Amino acid sequence: MVRTLRSVDRCDVAIVILDGPTGPTDTDKRTVSYALDAGKGLVLAVNKWDLAPRDVPMRAYEEAVREELAFAAHVPLVFTSALKGIRVEKTIEMALQVAHNRGKRIPTSELNEFLEEVKRRLPPPSVKGRPVNLMYITQTGICPPSFVFFGRRTKFLPESYRRFLENRLREAFGFEGVPLRLSFRDALRKT
């Protein structure tokens, strides 16, 4: 496990290989969690898919893996067989795409258009009768992509709405396989 975590520390994108017949182990879960916490890109490769029973549909197996690794729902999953060379190249292509996603920079104007659309569809909730107001967003870094939302009363923004914003950012700008760092700050008032 120590060697695995050191390898994760040295990489930009980790390909975590899951054993197809047994599914994700506790070690796999720890490795995936560690990679995401470290801001690394991630691809899950289910190996030995050629040994899977023919009566188990790929979709059902994927749903089971996604349920086990619910905290990594945004991570791409590829079914492979290293022995037979099935979808090994696809795994590498996916890792290269995740590396690209990790270094993606979004212009502030696009981010603010995105924020206005999100607020139109589902405005931030009110807390104790007072609204949380998100005014603008900017990207502050890459590898992993980091964003700061400015507004009023942002410390009261519920965790569920923060996750909602993260998921919408991921969908809108193609951050598959990449952890996002979001922070929220109250904008200074002009006097």
Protein backbone atom coordinates (compact mmCIF):
# COMPACT_ATOMS: atom_id res chain seq x y z
CA MET A 1 0.00 0.00 0.00
CA VAL A 2 2.88 2.36 0.79
CA ARG A 3 4.37 1.81 -2.69
CA THR A 4 0.96 2.39 -4.26
CA LEU A 5 0.47 5.69 -2.45
CA ARG A 6 3.99 6.81 -3.40
CA SER A 7 3.19 6.03 -7.04
CA VAL A 8 0.01 8.09 -6.78
CA ASP A 9 2.04 10.98 -5.35
CA ARG A 10 4.37 10.90 -8.36
CA CYS A 11 1.70 10.68 -11.07
CA ASP A 12 -0.65 13.17 -12.72
CA VAL A 13 -3.27 10.56 -13.67
CA ALA A 14 -3.67 7.25 -11.86
CA ILE A 15 -5.11 4.18 -13.55
CA VAL A 16 -6.49 2.07 -10.73
CA ILE A 17 -6.87 -1.51 -11.89
CA LEU A 18 -9.77 -3.35 -10.29
CA ASP A 19 -9.96 -7.12 -10.38
CA GLY A 20 -13.06 -7.91 -12.44
CA PRO A 21 -14.13 -11.13 -10.73
CA THR A 22 -13.79 -9.77 -7.18
CA GLY A 23 -14.76 -6.12 -7.67
CA PRO A 24 -13.38 -3.15 -5.72
CA THR A 25 -11.52 -4.11 -2.55
CA ASP A 26 -10.95 -1.91 0.50
CA THR A 27 -7.43 -1.26 -0.78
CA ASP A 28 -8.85 -0.14 -4.13
CA LYS A 29 -11.26 2.22 -2.35
CA ARG A 30 -8.44 3.70 -0.28
CA THR A 31 -6.29 4.18 -3.37
CA VAL A 32 -9.09 5.89 -5.30
CA SER A 33 -9.90 8.13 -2.34
CA TYR A 34 -6.23 9.01 -1.82
CA ALA A 35 -5.76 9.89 -5.51
CA LEU A 36 -8.82 12.16 -5.52
CA ASP A 37 -7.79 13.85 -2.28
CA ALA A 38 -4.32 14.42 -3.77
CA GLY A 39 -5.90 16.16 -6.78
CA LYS A 40 -4.85 13.49 -9.26
CA GLY A 41 -6.76 12.55 -12.38
CA LEU A 42 -8.19 9.05 -12.27
CA VAL A 43 -9.31 6.23 -14.55
CA LEU A 44 -10.75 2.95 -13.28
CA ALA A 45 -9.86 -0.16 -15.30
CA VAL A 46 -11.82 -3.32 -14.56
CA ASN A 47 -9.35 -6.01 -15.58
CA LYS A 48 -10.02 -9.69 -16.43
CA TRP A 49 -13.33 -8.79 -18.01
CA ASP A 50 -12.85 -11.79 -20.32
CA LEU A 51 -13.30 -14.03 -17.25
CA ALA A 52 -16.63 -12.49 -16.23
CA PRO A 53 -19.63 -14.80 -16.47
CA ARG A 54 -21.43 -14.28 -19.77
CA ASP A 55 -24.75 -13.83 -17.97
CA VAL A 56 -23.50 -10.69 -16.14
CA PRO A 57 -24.21 -7.63 -18.31
CA MET A 58 -21.47 -5.01 -18.41
CA ARG A 59 -24.00 -2.31 -17.45
CA ALA A 60 -25.09 -4.15 -14.30
CA TYR A 61 -21.48 -4.70 -13.25
CA GLU A 62 -20.68 -1.04 -13.87
CA GLU A 63 -23.62 0.02 -11.69
CA ALA A 64 -22.39 -2.25 -8.90
CA VAL A 65 -18.86 -0.80 -9.12
CA ARG A 66 -20.25 2.77 -9.21
CA GLU A 67 -22.33 2.01 -6.12
CA GLU A 68 -19.24 0.72 -4.28
CA LEU A 69 -17.25 3.79 -5.35
CA ALA A 70 -20.05 6.39 -5.16
CA PHE A 71 -17.56 9.09 -4.12
CA ALA A 72 -15.86 8.66 -7.52
CA ALA A 73 -18.93 8.85 -9.75
CA HIS A 74 -17.17 11.26 -12.14
CA VAL A 75 -14.32 8.85 -12.86
CA PRO A 76 -14.37 7.01 -16.21
CA LEU A 77 -14.58 3.22 -16.08
CA VAL A 78 -13.08 0.95 -18.75
CA PHE A 79 -13.51 -2.84 -18.96
CA THR A 80 -10.24 -4.49 -20.04
CA SER A 81 -8.34 -7.71 -20.33
CA ALA A 82 -4.59 -7.14 -20.12
CA LEU A 83 -3.91 -10.76 -21.03
CA LYS A 84 -5.87 -10.53 -24.29
CA GLY A 85 -5.16 -6.84 -24.93
CA ILE A 86 -8.85 -5.89 -24.86
CA ARG A 87 -9.41 -2.11 -24.49
CA VAL A 88 -5.90 -1.49 -23.11
CA GLU A 89 -5.37 1.28 -25.68
CA LYS A 90 -8.74 2.78 -24.75
CA THR A 91 -7.58 2.94 -21.13
CA ILE A 92 -4.46 4.88 -22.15
CA GLU A 93 -6.53 7.20 -24.37
CA MET A 94 -8.88 7.84 -21.46
CA ALA A 95 -5.93 8.62 -19.15
CA LEU A 96 -4.60 11.12 -21.72
CA GLN A 97 -8.04 12.77 -21.93
CA VAL A 98 -8.20 13.01 -18.12
CA ALA A 99 -4.71 14.58 -18.12
CA HIS A 100 -6.00 17.16 -20.61
CA ASN A 101 -9.09 17.80 -18.46
CA ARG A 102 -6.87 18.32 -15.43
CA GLY A 103 -5.05 21.21 -17.12
CA LYS A 104 -8.13 22.84 -18.62
CA ARG A 105 -8.63 26.57 -18.03
CA ILE A 106 -12.08 28.13 -18.44
CA PRO A 107 -12.41 31.88 -19.18
CA THR A 108 -14.07 33.88 -16.41
CA SER A 109 -16.75 35.16 -18.78
CA GLU A 110 -17.84 31.58 -19.57
CA LEU A 111 -17.81 30.68 -15.89
CA ASN A 112 -20.03 33.64 -15.03
CA GLU A 113 -22.48 32.76 -17.82
CA PHE A 114 -22.53 29.25 -16.40
CA LEU A 115 -23.21 30.58 -12.89
CA GLU A 116 -26.10 32.75 -14.06
CA GLU A 117 -27.69 29.78 -15.86
CA VAL A 118 -27.29 27.55 -12.80
CA LYS A 119 -28.84 30.20 -10.55
CA ARG A 120 -31.78 30.59 -12.96
CA ARG A 121 -32.45 26.86 -12.89
CA LEU A 122 -31.89 26.36 -9.16
CA PRO A 123 -31.07 29.41 -7.04
CA PRO A 124 -29.04 28.98 -3.85
CA PRO A 125 -31.24 28.28 -0.83
CA SER A 126 -32.10 30.90 1.75
CA VAL A 127 -30.81 30.49 5.28
CA LYS A 128 -32.94 31.83 8.13
CA GLY A 129 -35.00 33.80 5.63
CA ARG A 130 -31.97 35.52 4.10
CA PRO A 131 -30.72 34.52 0.65
CA VAL A 132 -27.24 33.27 -0.11
CA ASN A 133 -26.14 35.30 -3.11
CA LEU A 134 -23.49 33.96 -5.48
CA MET A 135 -22.26 36.87 -7.58
CA TYR A 136 -19.39 35.55 -9.70
CA ILE A 137 -16.89 32.75 -10.15
CA THR A 138 -13.29 32.57 -11.32
CA GLN A 139 -10.79 29.79 -11.90
CA THR A 140 -7.74 30.14 -9.69
CA GLY A 141 -5.71 27.12 -10.72
CA ILE A 142 -5.25 23.94 -12.70
CA CYS A 143 -4.00 20.43 -11.89
CA PRO A 144 -6.50 20.08 -10.25
CA PRO A 145 -8.86 22.77 -11.51
CA SER A 146 -9.70 25.19 -8.69
CA PHE A 147 -12.54 27.69 -8.59
CA VAL A 148 -13.59 30.46 -6.23
CA PHE A 149 -17.22 31.56 -5.93
CA PHE A 150 -17.73 35.09 -4.59
CA GLY A 151 -20.96 36.27 -3.05
CA ARG A 152 -22.78 37.14 0.15
CA ARG A 153 -23.35 34.80 3.09
CA THR A 154 -21.42 32.02 1.29
CA LYS A 155 -20.47 30.33 4.57
CA PHE A 156 -24.13 29.35 4.93
CA LEU A 157 -24.26 27.58 1.58
CA PRO A 158 -25.26 23.95 2.29
CA GLU A 159 -22.91 21.14 1.33
CA SER A 160 -25.57 19.70 -0.97
CA TYR A 161 -25.63 22.90 -3.04
CA ARG A 162 -21.83 22.95 -3.15
CA ARG A 163 -21.85 19.39 -4.55
CA PHE A 164 -24.56 20.47 -7.01
CA LEU A 165 -22.30 23.28 -8.26
CA GLU A 166 -19.35 20.91 -8.57
CA ASN A 167 -21.40 18.42 -10.58
CA ARG A 168 -22.75 21.15 -12.89
CA LEU A 169 -19.21 22.48 -13.46
CA ARG A 170 -18.03 18.98 -14.30
CA GLU A 171 -20.89 18.46 -16.78
CA ALA A 172 -20.70 21.89 -18.41
CA PHE A 173 -16.93 21.95 -18.99
CA GLY A 174 -15.97 18.27 -19.32
CA PHE A 175 -13.98 17.60 -16.17
CA GLU A 176 -14.47 13.83 -16.29
CA GLY A 177 -12.01 11.96 -14.08
CA VAL A 178 -10.73 15.10 -12.38
CA PRO A 179 -11.31 16.26 -8.82
CA LEU A 180 -12.39 19.89 -8.61
CA ARG A 181 -11.47 22.27 -5.80
CA LEU A 182 -14.21 24.76 -4.95
CA SER A 183 -13.98 27.53 -2.39
CA PHE A 184 -16.47 30.19 -1.42
CA ARG A 185 -15.70 33.73 -0.28
CA ASP A 186 -17.79 36.67 0.71
CA ALA A 187 -17.21 39.56 -1.68
CA LEU A 188 -16.06 42.79 -0.13
CA ARG A 189 -18.69 45.50 0.07
CA LYS A 190 -17.93 48.84 -1.46
CA THR A 191 -18.14 51.71 1.02
